[in-house]
Amino acid sequence: MSEILKANPIVETRSQELKSKCDELKNQGIEPFMKVILVGDNPASLSYIKNKKKLCEKVGAKFELIHLDATITEDDLIEVTQNINQDPLVHGCIIQLPLPSHLSHIDVSHLINPQKDIDGFHPENLYCAMVGDFNGLLPCTPQGVLSLCDYYKIDLSGKNVVIIGRSMIVGKPLAILMTNRNATVTLCHSRTQNMKELTKKADIIVTAIGKANFLDSSFLNEKSNQYLIDVGINKYNGKLCGDINFTEVENKVKGVTPVPGGIGPLTVLSLIENLLKAAGRNEAN
């Protein structure tokens, strides 16, 4: 039987640790404060924000949603963001994606002050990830994947890792972070040839492409010794699912993350970790 790599025990343990850290900051006279900018009423975005608010408040941090009309102009959105950047009481800010089509050209990674960029998208924070500087605010989903590996004792050193998906949010920064852990990483994408030959040789496969049930048993070797980490969140026949066909591979690998209940909650956990890191660094300065 495969080990089901669930997020819940990690979240429960870490959230208690984060609550203690938040209490320490409050005792120093600082209340970690996070603002989320939402443009429009995307149902999935509203659901994600609800989860962020819940964990933020669970650890004792302050949360505020800035809900903007879907027709807001680019200039007005930038003004809202700049006001938050300049507010010394706010330690973390994110712009919830996706933005409406008339704003989709905006590179949000440059809008947030890197000291408050708790998503970890700003080039300064990505550079910290590249050089292994953990004082930076690391990208949340890749950080969540590492937290999962640490908890379940999945050693990355010397292992062959295949990541399917090359986005700046997951694939590329995760490749960097895993390389820093001494893994040998292959980054696959839509132009990759003979992908199944690569995945069959992998010790760990990470999917992050947003294609429901994309990875099935034909991508796996016959030894049942691989770990599968599913970052994808999709809807199929009205239900949430990942990029991995979970029921087909479940008993053919050493371990696999479920969707929901896998990497998603760890992404939110990483966001709160970054918030408290930003608040603590702000206080130190």
C-alpha atoms as a PDB file:
ATOM      1  CA  MET A   1       0.000   0.000   0.000  1.00  0.00           C
ATOM      2  CA  SER A   2       1.180   3.501  -0.822  1.00  0.00           C
ATOM      3  CA  GLU A   3       1.642   6.050   1.936  1.00  0.00           C
ATOM      4  CA  ILE A   4      -0.892   8.879   1.553  1.00  0.00           C
ATOM      5  CA  LEU A   5       1.075  12.072   2.117  1.00  0.00           C
ATOM      6  CA  LYS A   6      -1.541  14.258   3.788  1.00  0.00           C
ATOM      7  CA  ALA A   7      -1.055  17.879   4.807  1.00  0.00           C
ATOM      8  CA  ASN A   8      -3.201  17.852   7.931  1.00  0.00           C
ATOM      9  CA  PRO A   9      -0.653  16.534  10.479  1.00  0.00           C
ATOM     10  CA  ILE A  10       1.921  19.041   9.189  1.00  0.00           C
ATOM     11  CA  VAL A  11      -0.513  21.941   9.372  1.00  0.00           C
ATOM     12  CA  GLU A  12      -1.641  21.011  12.876  1.00  0.00           C
ATOM     13  CA  THR A  13       1.909  20.800  14.194  1.00  0.00           C
ATOM     14  CA  ARG A  14       3.240  23.905  12.436  1.00  0.00           C
ATOM     15  CA  SER A  15       0.199  26.072  13.158  1.00  0.00           C
ATOM     16  CA  GLN A  16       0.757  25.614  16.885  1.00  0.00           C
ATOM     17  CA  GLU A  17       4.399  26.613  16.441  1.00  0.00           C
ATOM     18  CA  LEU A  18       3.354  29.634  14.378  1.00  0.00           C
ATOM     19  CA  LYS A  19       0.817  30.654  17.008  1.00  0.00           C
ATOM     20  CA  SER A  20       3.582  30.680  19.618  1.00  0.00           C
ATOM     21  CA  LYS A  21       5.769  32.765  17.303  1.00  0.00           C
ATOM     22  CA  CYS A  22       2.898  35.167  16.653  1.00  0.00           C
ATOM     23  CA  ASP A  23       2.321  35.528  20.396  1.00  0.00           C
ATOM     24  CA  GLU A  24       6.016  36.350  20.853  1.00  0.00           C
ATOM     25  CA  LEU A  25       5.787  39.101  18.243  1.00  0.00           C
ATOM     26  CA  LYS A  26       2.702  40.519  19.921  1.00  0.00           C
ATOM     27  CA  ASN A  27       4.561  40.566  23.226  1.00  0.00           C
ATOM     28  CA  GLN A  28       7.172  42.706  21.464  1.00  0.00           C
ATOM     29  CA  GLY A  29       4.415  45.144  20.466  1.00  0.00           C
ATOM     30  CA  ILE A  30       3.893  44.036  16.885  1.00  0.00           C
ATOM     31  CA  GLU A  31       0.803  42.351  15.438  1.00  0.00           C
ATOM     32  CA  PRO A  32       1.487  40.475  12.191  1.00  0.00           C
ATOM     33  CA  PHE A  33      -0.890  41.934   9.623  1.00  0.00           C
ATOM     34  CA  MET A  34      -1.718  40.530   6.205  1.00  0.00           C
ATOM     35  CA  LYS A  35      -3.764  42.155   3.449  1.00  0.00           C
ATOM     36  CA  VAL A  36      -5.153  40.352   0.419  1.00  0.00           C
ATOM     37  CA  ILE A  37      -6.213  42.251  -2.700  1.00  0.00           C
ATOM     38  CA  LEU A  38      -9.027  40.606  -4.646  1.00  0.00           C
ATOM     39  CA  VAL A  39     -10.284  42.051  -7.920  1.00  0.00           C
ATOM     40  CA  GLY A  40     -13.732  40.761  -8.891  1.00  0.00           C
ATOM     41  CA  ASP A  41     -15.619  37.740  -7.579  1.00  0.00           C
ATOM     42  CA  ASN A  42     -13.863  34.651  -8.899  1.00  0.00           C
ATOM     43  CA  PRO A  43     -15.429  31.749  -6.894  1.00  0.00           C
ATOM     44  CA  ALA A  44     -12.174  29.784  -6.692  1.00  0.00           C
ATOM     45  CA  SER A  45     -10.313  32.876  -5.493  1.00  0.00           C
ATOM     46  CA  LEU A  46     -12.900  33.494  -2.800  1.00  0.00           C
ATOM     47  CA  SER A  47     -12.464  29.913  -1.608  1.00  0.00           C
ATOM     48  CA  TYR A  48      -8.658  30.207  -1.494  1.00  0.00           C
ATOM     49  CA  ILE A  49      -8.885  33.492   0.409  1.00  0.00           C
ATOM     50  CA  LYS A  50     -11.230  31.924   2.948  1.00  0.00           C
ATOM     51  CA  ASN A  51      -8.595  29.268   3.704  1.00  0.00           C
ATOM     52  CA  LYS A  52      -5.877  31.914   4.057  1.00  0.00           C
ATOM     53  CA  LYS A  53      -8.027  33.985   6.410  1.00  0.00           C
ATOM     54  CA  LYS A  54      -8.862  30.940   8.541  1.00  0.00           C
ATOM     55  CA  LEU A  55      -5.249  29.910   9.121  1.00  0.00           C
ATOM     56  CA  CYS A  56      -4.079  33.489   9.535  1.00  0.00           C
ATOM     57  CA  GLU A  57      -6.572  34.077  12.329  1.00  0.00           C
ATOM     58  CA  LYS A  58      -5.914  30.626  13.833  1.00  0.00           C
ATOM     59  CA  VAL A  59      -2.314  31.576  14.566  1.00  0.00           C
ATOM     60  CA  GLY A  60      -3.408  34.974  15.901  1.00  0.00           C
ATOM     61  CA  ALA A  61      -2.397  37.241  13.022  1.00  0.00           C
ATOM     62  CA  LYS A  62      -4.531  40.045  11.621  1.00  0.00           C
ATOM     63  CA  PHE A  63      -6.192  39.622   8.210  1.00  0.00           C
ATOM     64  CA  GLU A  64      -7.919  42.091   5.931  1.00  0.00           C
ATOM     65  CA  LEU A  65      -9.457  41.561   2.492  1.00  0.00           C
ATOM     66  CA  ILE A  66      -9.351  44.487   0.064  1.00  0.00           C
ATOM     67  CA  HIS A  67     -12.179  43.563  -2.304  1.00  0.00           C
ATOM     68  CA  LEU A  68     -12.056  45.658  -5.470  1.00  0.00           C
ATOM     69  CA  ASP A  69     -14.581  45.926  -8.282  1.00  0.00           C
ATOM     70  CA  ALA A  70     -13.838  43.830 -11.351  1.00  0.00           C
ATOM     71  CA  THR A  71     -13.815  46.993 -13.494  1.00  0.00           C
ATOM     72  CA  ILE A  72     -11.055  48.769 -11.534  1.00  0.00           C
ATOM     73  CA  THR A  73      -8.433  50.459 -13.694  1.00  0.00           C
ATOM     74  CA  GLU A  74      -4.764  49.525 -13.723  1.00  0.00           C
ATOM     75  CA  ASP A  75      -3.797  52.907 -12.245  1.00  0.00           C
ATOM     76  CA  ASP A  76      -6.241  52.513  -9.368  1.00  0.00           C
ATOM     77  CA  LEU A  77      -5.019  48.987  -8.614  1.00  0.00           C
ATOM     78  CA  ILE A  78      -1.424  50.227  -8.539  1.00  0.00           C
ATOM     79  CA  GLU A  79      -2.441  53.043  -6.187  1.00  0.00           C
ATOM     80  CA  VAL A  80      -4.099  50.589  -3.787  1.00  0.00           C
ATOM     81  CA  THR A  81      -0.970  48.444  -3.834  1.00  0.00           C
ATOM     82  CA  GLN A  82       1.358  51.383  -3.254  1.00  0.00           C
ATOM     83  CA  ASN A  83      -0.694  52.497  -0.253  1.00  0.00           C
ATOM     84  CA  ILE A  84      -0.239  49.053   1.297  1.00  0.00           C
ATOM     85  CA  ASN A  85       3.479  49.069   0.468  1.00  0.00           C
ATOM     86  CA  GLN A  86       3.831  52.338   2.381  1.00  0.00           C
ATOM     87  CA  ASP A  87       1.762  51.275   5.411  1.00  0.00           C
ATOM     88  CA  PRO A  88       4.203  50.356   8.231  1.00  0.00           C
ATOM     89  CA  LEU A  89       1.491  48.389  10.053  1.00  0.00           C
ATOM     90  CA  VAL A  90       1.073  45.902   7.183  1.00  0.00           C
ATOM     91  CA  HIS A  91       3.730  43.168   7.011  1.00  0.00           C
ATOM     92  CA  GLY A  92       2.444  41.051   4.154  1.00  0.00           C
ATOM     93  CA  CYS A  93       0.384  41.591   1.026  1.00  0.00           C
ATOM     94  CA  ILE A  94      -0.728  39.396  -1.853  1.00  0.00           C
ATOM     95  CA  ILE A  95      -2.701  40.045  -5.009  1.00  0.00           C
ATOM     96  CA  GLN A  96      -5.014  37.096  -5.535  1.00  0.00           C
ATOM     97  CA  LEU A  97      -4.765  35.634  -9.024  1.00  0.00           C
ATOM     98  CA  PRO A  98      -6.187  35.453 -11.593  1.00  0.00           C
ATOM     99  CA  LEU A  99      -6.870  39.108 -12.357  1.00  0.00           C
ATOM    100  CA  PRO A 100      -9.672  40.109 -14.762  1.00  0.00           C
ATOM    101  CA  SER A 101      -8.734  39.984 -18.442  1.00  0.00           C
ATOM    102  CA  HIS A 102      -8.150  43.744 -18.761  1.00  0.00           C
ATOM    103  CA  LEU A 103      -5.519  43.512 -15.995  1.00  0.00           C
ATOM    104  CA  SER A 104      -4.032  40.123 -16.870  1.00  0.00           C
ATOM    105  CA  HIS A 105      -1.001  41.733 -18.527  1.00  0.00           C
ATOM    106  CA  ILE A 106       0.210  43.109 -15.193  1.00  0.00           C
ATOM    107  CA  ASP A 107       3.254  41.393 -13.715  1.00  0.00           C
ATOM    108  CA  VAL A 108       2.159  41.344 -10.080  1.00  0.00           C
ATOM    109  CA  SER A 109       5.581  40.095  -8.965  1.00  0.00           C
ATOM    110  CA  HIS A 110       6.876  43.669  -9.230  1.00  0.00           C
ATOM    111  CA  LEU A 111       3.951  45.448  -7.554  1.00  0.00           C
ATOM    112  CA  ILE A 112       4.444  44.325  -3.963  1.00  0.00           C
ATOM    113  CA  ASN A 113       7.348  45.593  -1.836  1.00  0.00           C
ATOM    114  CA  PRO A 114       9.736  42.590  -1.643  1.00  0.00           C
ATOM    115  CA  GLN A 115       9.775  42.951   2.149  1.00  0.00           C
ATOM    116  CA  LYS A 116       5.990  42.370   2.133  1.00  0.00           C
ATOM    117  CA  ASP A 117       5.857  39.899  -0.755  1.00  0.00           C
ATOM    118  CA  ILE A 118       4.702  36.896   1.262  1.00  0.00           C
ATOM    119  CA  ASP A 119       3.831  34.997  -1.944  1.00  0.00           C
ATOM    120  CA  GLY A 120       7.552  35.031  -2.733  1.00  0.00           C
ATOM    121  CA  PHE A 121       7.076  36.182  -6.335  1.00  0.00           C
ATOM    122  CA  HIS A 122       9.270  39.293  -6.362  1.00  0.00           C
ATOM    123  CA  PRO A 123      12.610  38.930  -8.228  1.00  0.00           C
ATOM    124  CA  GLU A 124      14.523  39.784  -5.040  1.00  0.00           C
ATOM    125  CA  ASN A 125      12.877  36.887  -3.231  1.00  0.00           C
ATOM    126  CA  LEU A 126      13.368  34.535  -6.167  1.00  0.00           C
ATOM    127  CA  TYR A 127      17.062  35.439  -6.100  1.00  0.00           C
ATOM    128  CA  CYS A 128      17.171  34.485  -2.413  1.00  0.00           C
ATOM    129  CA  ALA A 129      15.691  31.114  -3.361  1.00  0.00           C
ATOM    130  CA  MET A 130      18.284  30.702  -6.093  1.00  0.00           C
ATOM    131  CA  VAL A 131      21.277  31.293  -3.819  1.00  0.00           C
ATOM    132  CA  GLY A 132      19.832  29.414  -0.854  1.00  0.00           C
ATOM    133  CA  ASP A 133      19.250  32.488   1.307  1.00  0.00           C
ATOM    134  CA  PHE A 134      16.432  31.468   3.639  1.00  0.00           C
ATOM    135  CA  ASN A 135      16.187  34.990   5.016  1.00  0.00           C
ATOM    136  CA  GLY A 136      14.172  35.798   1.902  1.00  0.00           C
ATOM    137  CA  LEU A 137      10.478  35.112   1.505  1.00  0.00           C
ATOM    138  CA  LEU A 138      10.449  31.855  -0.426  1.00  0.00           C
ATOM    139  CA  PRO A 139       7.723  31.002  -2.976  1.00  0.00           C
ATOM    140  CA  CYS A 140       4.885  29.394  -1.046  1.00  0.00           C
ATOM    141  CA  THR A 141       4.005  26.290  -3.038  1.00  0.00           C
ATOM    142  CA  PRO A 142       7.623  25.172  -3.514  1.00  0.00           C
ATOM    143  CA  GLN A 143       8.209  25.836   0.171  1.00  0.00           C
ATOM    144  CA  GLY A 144       5.146  23.693   0.937  1.00  0.00           C
ATOM    145  CA  VAL A 145       6.555  20.841  -1.150  1.00  0.00           C
ATOM    146  CA  LEU A 146       9.793  20.968   0.854  1.00  0.00           C
ATOM    147  CA  SER A 147       7.821  20.968   4.111  1.00  0.00           C
ATOM    148  CA  LEU A 148       6.041  17.825   2.940  1.00  0.00           C
ATOM    149  CA  CYS A 149       9.337  16.140   2.062  1.00  0.00           C
ATOM    150  CA  ASP A 150      10.816  17.067   5.443  1.00  0.00           C
ATOM    151  CA  TYR A 151       7.825  15.782   7.417  1.00  0.00           C
ATOM    152  CA  TYR A 152       7.589  12.461   5.590  1.00  0.00           C
ATOM    153  CA  LYS A 153      11.376  12.064   5.543  1.00  0.00           C
ATOM    154  CA  ILE A 154      11.666  12.060   1.769  1.00  0.00           C
ATOM    155  CA  ASP A 155      15.374  12.703   1.346  1.00  0.00           C
ATOM    156  CA  LEU A 156      16.158  14.782  -1.740  1.00  0.00           C
ATOM    157  CA  SER A 157      19.956  14.533  -1.673  1.00  0.00           C
ATOM    158  CA  GLY A 158      21.231  12.538  -4.624  1.00  0.00           C
ATOM    159  CA  LYS A 159      17.718  11.732  -5.846  1.00  0.00           C
ATOM    160  CA  ASN A 160      16.391  12.085  -9.382  1.00  0.00           C
ATOM    161  CA  VAL A 161      13.427  14.464  -9.422  1.00  0.00           C
ATOM    162  CA  VAL A 162      11.189  15.147 -12.404  1.00  0.00           C
ATOM    163  CA  ILE A 163       9.018  18.269 -12.209  1.00  0.00           C
ATOM    164  CA  ILE A 164       6.289  18.546 -14.836  1.00  0.00           C
ATOM    165  CA  GLY A 165       5.505  22.231 -15.338  1.00  0.00           C
ATOM    166  CA  ARG A 166       7.838  25.228 -15.674  1.00  0.00           C
ATOM    167  CA  SER A 167       5.833  28.131 -14.240  1.00  0.00           C
ATOM    168  CA  MET A 168       7.469  30.895 -12.225  1.00  0.00           C
ATOM    169  CA  ILE A 169       5.043  30.108  -9.397  1.00  0.00           C
ATOM    170  CA  VAL A 170       5.895  26.427  -8.952  1.00  0.00           C
ATOM    171  CA  GLY A 171       8.078  24.593 -11.465  1.00  0.00           C
ATOM    172  CA  LYS A 172      11.111  26.846 -11.861  1.00  0.00           C
ATOM    173  CA  PRO A 173      11.512  27.949  -8.220  1.00  0.00           C
ATOM    174  CA  LEU A 174      10.882  24.400  -6.991  1.00  0.00           C
ATOM    175  CA  ALA A 175      13.616  23.134  -9.311  1.00  0.00           C
ATOM    176  CA  ILE A 176      15.996  25.657  -7.739  1.00  0.00           C
ATOM    177  CA  LEU A 177      15.051  24.790  -4.149  1.00  0.00           C
ATOM    178  CA  MET A 178      15.363  21.053  -4.789  1.00  0.00           C
ATOM    179  CA  THR A 179      18.704  21.559  -6.508  1.00  0.00           C
ATOM    180  CA  ASN A 180      19.834  23.424  -3.390  1.00  0.00           C
ATOM    181  CA  ARG A 181      18.901  20.263  -1.487  1.00  0.00           C
ATOM    182  CA  ASN A 182      21.304  18.326  -3.772  1.00  0.00           C
ATOM    183  CA  ALA A 183      18.639  16.677  -5.922  1.00  0.00           C
ATOM    184  CA  THR A 184      19.215  16.162  -9.644  1.00  0.00           C
ATOM    185  CA  VAL A 185      16.231  17.894 -11.218  1.00  0.00           C
ATOM    186  CA  THR A 186      14.718  17.533 -14.677  1.00  0.00           C
ATOM    187  CA  LEU A 187      12.163  20.209 -15.558  1.00  0.00           C
ATOM    188  CA  CYS A 188       9.631  18.914 -18.077  1.00  0.00           C
ATOM    189  CA  HIS A 189       7.111  20.908 -20.094  1.00  0.00           C
ATOM    190  CA  SER A 190       4.896  20.756 -23.193  1.00  0.00           C
ATOM    191  CA  ARG A 191       7.905  20.499 -25.548  1.00  0.00           C
ATOM    192  CA  THR A 192       9.641  17.720 -23.606  1.00  0.00           C
ATOM    193  CA  GLN A 193      10.232  14.610 -25.680  1.00  0.00           C
ATOM    194  CA  ASN A 194      10.041  11.095 -24.247  1.00  0.00           C
ATOM    195  CA  MET A 195       8.667  12.373 -20.952  1.00  0.00           C
ATOM    196  CA  LYS A 196       7.650   8.916 -19.778  1.00  0.00           C
ATOM    197  CA  GLU A 197      11.234   7.678 -20.139  1.00  0.00           C
ATOM    198  CA  LEU A 198      12.283  10.442 -17.766  1.00  0.00           C
ATOM    199  CA  THR A 199       9.523   9.871 -15.195  1.00  0.00           C
ATOM    200  CA  LYS A 200      10.150   6.126 -15.065  1.00  0.00           C
ATOM    201  CA  LYS A 201      13.734   6.833 -13.951  1.00  0.00           C
ATOM    202  CA  ALA A 202      12.677   9.356 -11.296  1.00  0.00           C
ATOM    203  CA  ASP A 203      12.684   8.815  -7.552  1.00  0.00           C
ATOM    204  CA  ILE A 204      10.220  11.701  -7.124  1.00  0.00           C
ATOM    205  CA  ILE A 205       7.734  13.125  -9.618  1.00  0.00           C
ATOM    206  CA  VAL A 206       6.063  16.506  -9.084  1.00  0.00           C
ATOM    207  CA  THR A 207       3.142  17.526 -11.296  1.00  0.00           C
ATOM    208  CA  ALA A 208       2.219  21.201 -11.649  1.00  0.00           C
ATOM    209  CA  ILE A 209       0.490  21.645 -15.008  1.00  0.00           C
ATOM    210  CA  GLY A 210      -3.224  21.997 -14.270  1.00  0.00           C
ATOM    211  CA  LYS A 211      -4.384  19.024 -16.368  1.00  0.00           C
ATOM    212  CA  ALA A 212      -6.840  16.748 -14.604  1.00  0.00           C
ATOM    213  CA  ASN A 213      -5.647  13.146 -14.177  1.00  0.00           C
ATOM    214  CA  PHE A 214      -2.731  13.740 -16.561  1.00  0.00           C
ATOM    215  CA  LEU A 215      -0.253  11.387 -14.925  1.00  0.00           C
ATOM    216  CA  ASP A 216      -1.292   7.736 -14.848  1.00  0.00           C
ATOM    217  CA  SER A 217       0.495   4.442 -14.303  1.00  0.00           C
ATOM    218  CA  SER A 218       2.079   4.556 -17.778  1.00  0.00           C
ATOM    219  CA  PHE A 219       4.465   7.220 -16.405  1.00  0.00           C
ATOM    220  CA  LEU A 220       5.696   4.969 -13.579  1.00  0.00           C
ATOM    221  CA  ASN A 221       8.286   2.249 -13.228  1.00  0.00           C
ATOM    222  CA  GLU A 222       7.394  -1.250 -12.059  1.00  0.00           C
ATOM    223  CA  LYS A 223       9.265  -1.108  -8.758  1.00  0.00           C
ATOM    224  CA  SER A 224       6.597   0.814  -6.775  1.00  0.00           C
ATOM    225  CA  ASN A 225       9.402   2.869  -5.191  1.00  0.00           C
ATOM    226  CA  GLN A 226       8.530   6.370  -6.407  1.00  0.00           C
ATOM    227  CA  TYR A 227       7.005   9.359  -4.619  1.00  0.00           C
ATOM    228  CA  LEU A 228       4.369  11.429  -6.401  1.00  0.00           C
ATOM    229  CA  ILE A 229       3.656  15.030  -5.379  1.00  0.00           C
ATOM    230  CA  ASP A 230       0.585  16.582  -6.979  1.00  0.00           C
ATOM    231  CA  VAL A 231       0.451  20.382  -7.078  1.00  0.00           C
ATOM    232  CA  GLY A 232      -2.395  20.573  -9.600  1.00  0.00           C
ATOM    233  CA  ILE A 233      -5.894  21.707  -8.655  1.00  0.00           C
ATOM    234  CA  ASN A 234      -8.542  20.962 -11.280  1.00  0.00           C
ATOM    235  CA  LYS A 235     -12.226  20.210 -11.570  1.00  0.00           C
ATOM    236  CA  TYR A 236     -13.327  16.978 -13.244  1.00  0.00           C
ATOM    237  CA  ASN A 237     -16.956  15.873 -13.363  1.00  0.00           C
ATOM    238  CA  GLY A 238     -17.743  18.570 -10.798  1.00  0.00           C
ATOM    239  CA  LYS A 239     -15.156  17.387  -8.267  1.00  0.00           C
ATOM    240  CA  LEU A 240     -11.707  18.646  -7.279  1.00  0.00           C
ATOM    241  CA  CYS A 241      -8.822  16.566  -8.496  1.00  0.00           C
ATOM    242  CA  GLY A 242      -5.135  16.915  -9.209  1.00  0.00           C
ATOM    243  CA  ASP A 243      -2.861  16.327 -12.176  1.00  0.00           C
ATOM    244  CA  ILE A 244      -2.363  12.729 -11.043  1.00  0.00           C
ATOM    245  CA  ASN A 245      -4.911   9.975 -11.570  1.00  0.00           C
ATOM    246  CA  PHE A 246      -4.900   9.145  -7.874  1.00  0.00           C
ATOM    247  CA  THR A 247      -7.026   5.975  -7.923  1.00  0.00           C
ATOM    248  CA  GLU A 248      -4.955   4.424 -10.709  1.00  0.00           C
ATOM    249  CA  VAL A 249      -1.525   5.087  -9.177  1.00  0.00           C
ATOM    250  CA  GLU A 250      -2.421   4.840  -5.501  1.00  0.00           C
ATOM    251  CA  ASN A 251      -1.105   1.303  -5.002  1.00  0.00           C
ATOM    252  CA  LYS A 252       1.759   1.506  -7.493  1.00  0.00           C
ATOM    253  CA  VAL A 253       4.029   4.010  -5.737  1.00  0.00           C
ATOM    254  CA  LYS A 254       5.733   4.438  -2.376  1.00  0.00           C
ATOM    255  CA  GLY A 255       3.816   7.607  -1.529  1.00  0.00           C
ATOM    256  CA  VAL A 256       1.398  10.050  -3.147  1.00  0.00           C
ATOM    257  CA  THR A 257      -0.265  13.322  -2.137  1.00  0.00           C
ATOM    258  CA  PRO A 258      -4.058  13.583  -2.347  1.00  0.00           C
ATOM    259  CA  VAL A 259      -6.048  16.428  -3.909  1.00  0.00           C
ATOM    260  CA  PRO A 260      -7.594  18.023  -1.969  1.00  0.00           C
ATOM    261  CA  GLY A 261      -5.676  17.715   1.294  1.00  0.00           C
ATOM    262  CA  GLY A 262      -2.116  17.618  -0.012  1.00  0.00           C
ATOM    263  CA  ILE A 263       0.010  20.523  -1.189  1.00  0.00           C
ATOM    264  CA  GLY A 264      -2.816  23.116  -1.146  1.00  0.00           C
ATOM    265  CA  PRO A 265      -2.956  23.524   2.654  1.00  0.00           C
ATOM    266  CA  LEU A 266       0.854  23.581   2.788  1.00  0.00           C
ATOM    267  CA  THR A 267       0.914  26.497   0.366  1.00  0.00           C
ATOM    268  CA  VAL A 268      -1.317  28.422   2.764  1.00  0.00           C
ATOM    269  CA  LEU A 269       0.873  27.365   5.691  1.00  0.00           C
ATOM    270  CA  SER A 270       3.943  28.710   3.878  1.00  0.00           C
ATOM    271  CA  LEU A 271       2.152  31.996   3.309  1.00  0.00           C
ATOM    272  CA  ILE A 272       1.608  32.414   7.059  1.00  0.00           C
ATOM    273  CA  GLU A 273       5.206  31.390   7.750  1.00  0.00           C
ATOM    274  CA  ASN A 274       6.330  34.134   5.370  1.00  0.00           C
ATOM    275  CA  LEU A 275       4.014  36.632   7.055  1.00  0.00           C
ATOM    276  CA  LEU A 276       5.545  35.994  10.472  1.00  0.00           C
ATOM    277  CA  LYS A 277       9.046  36.047   9.002  1.00  0.00           C
ATOM    278  CA  ALA A 278       8.288  39.422   7.384  1.00  0.00           C
ATOM    279  CA  ALA A 279       6.825  40.774  10.623  1.00  0.00           C
ATOM    280  CA  GLY A 280       9.816  39.592  12.645  1.00  0.00           C
ATOM    281  CA  ARG A 281      12.281  41.047  10.166  1.00  0.00           C
ATOM    282  CA  ASN A 282      10.367  44.313  10.153  1.00  0.00           C
ATOM    283  CA  GLU A 283      10.636  44.501  13.922  1.00  0.00           C
ATOM    284  CA  ALA A 284      14.350  43.723  13.824  1.00  0.00           C
ATOM    285  CA  ASN A 285      14.894  46.673  11.508  1.00  0.00           C
END
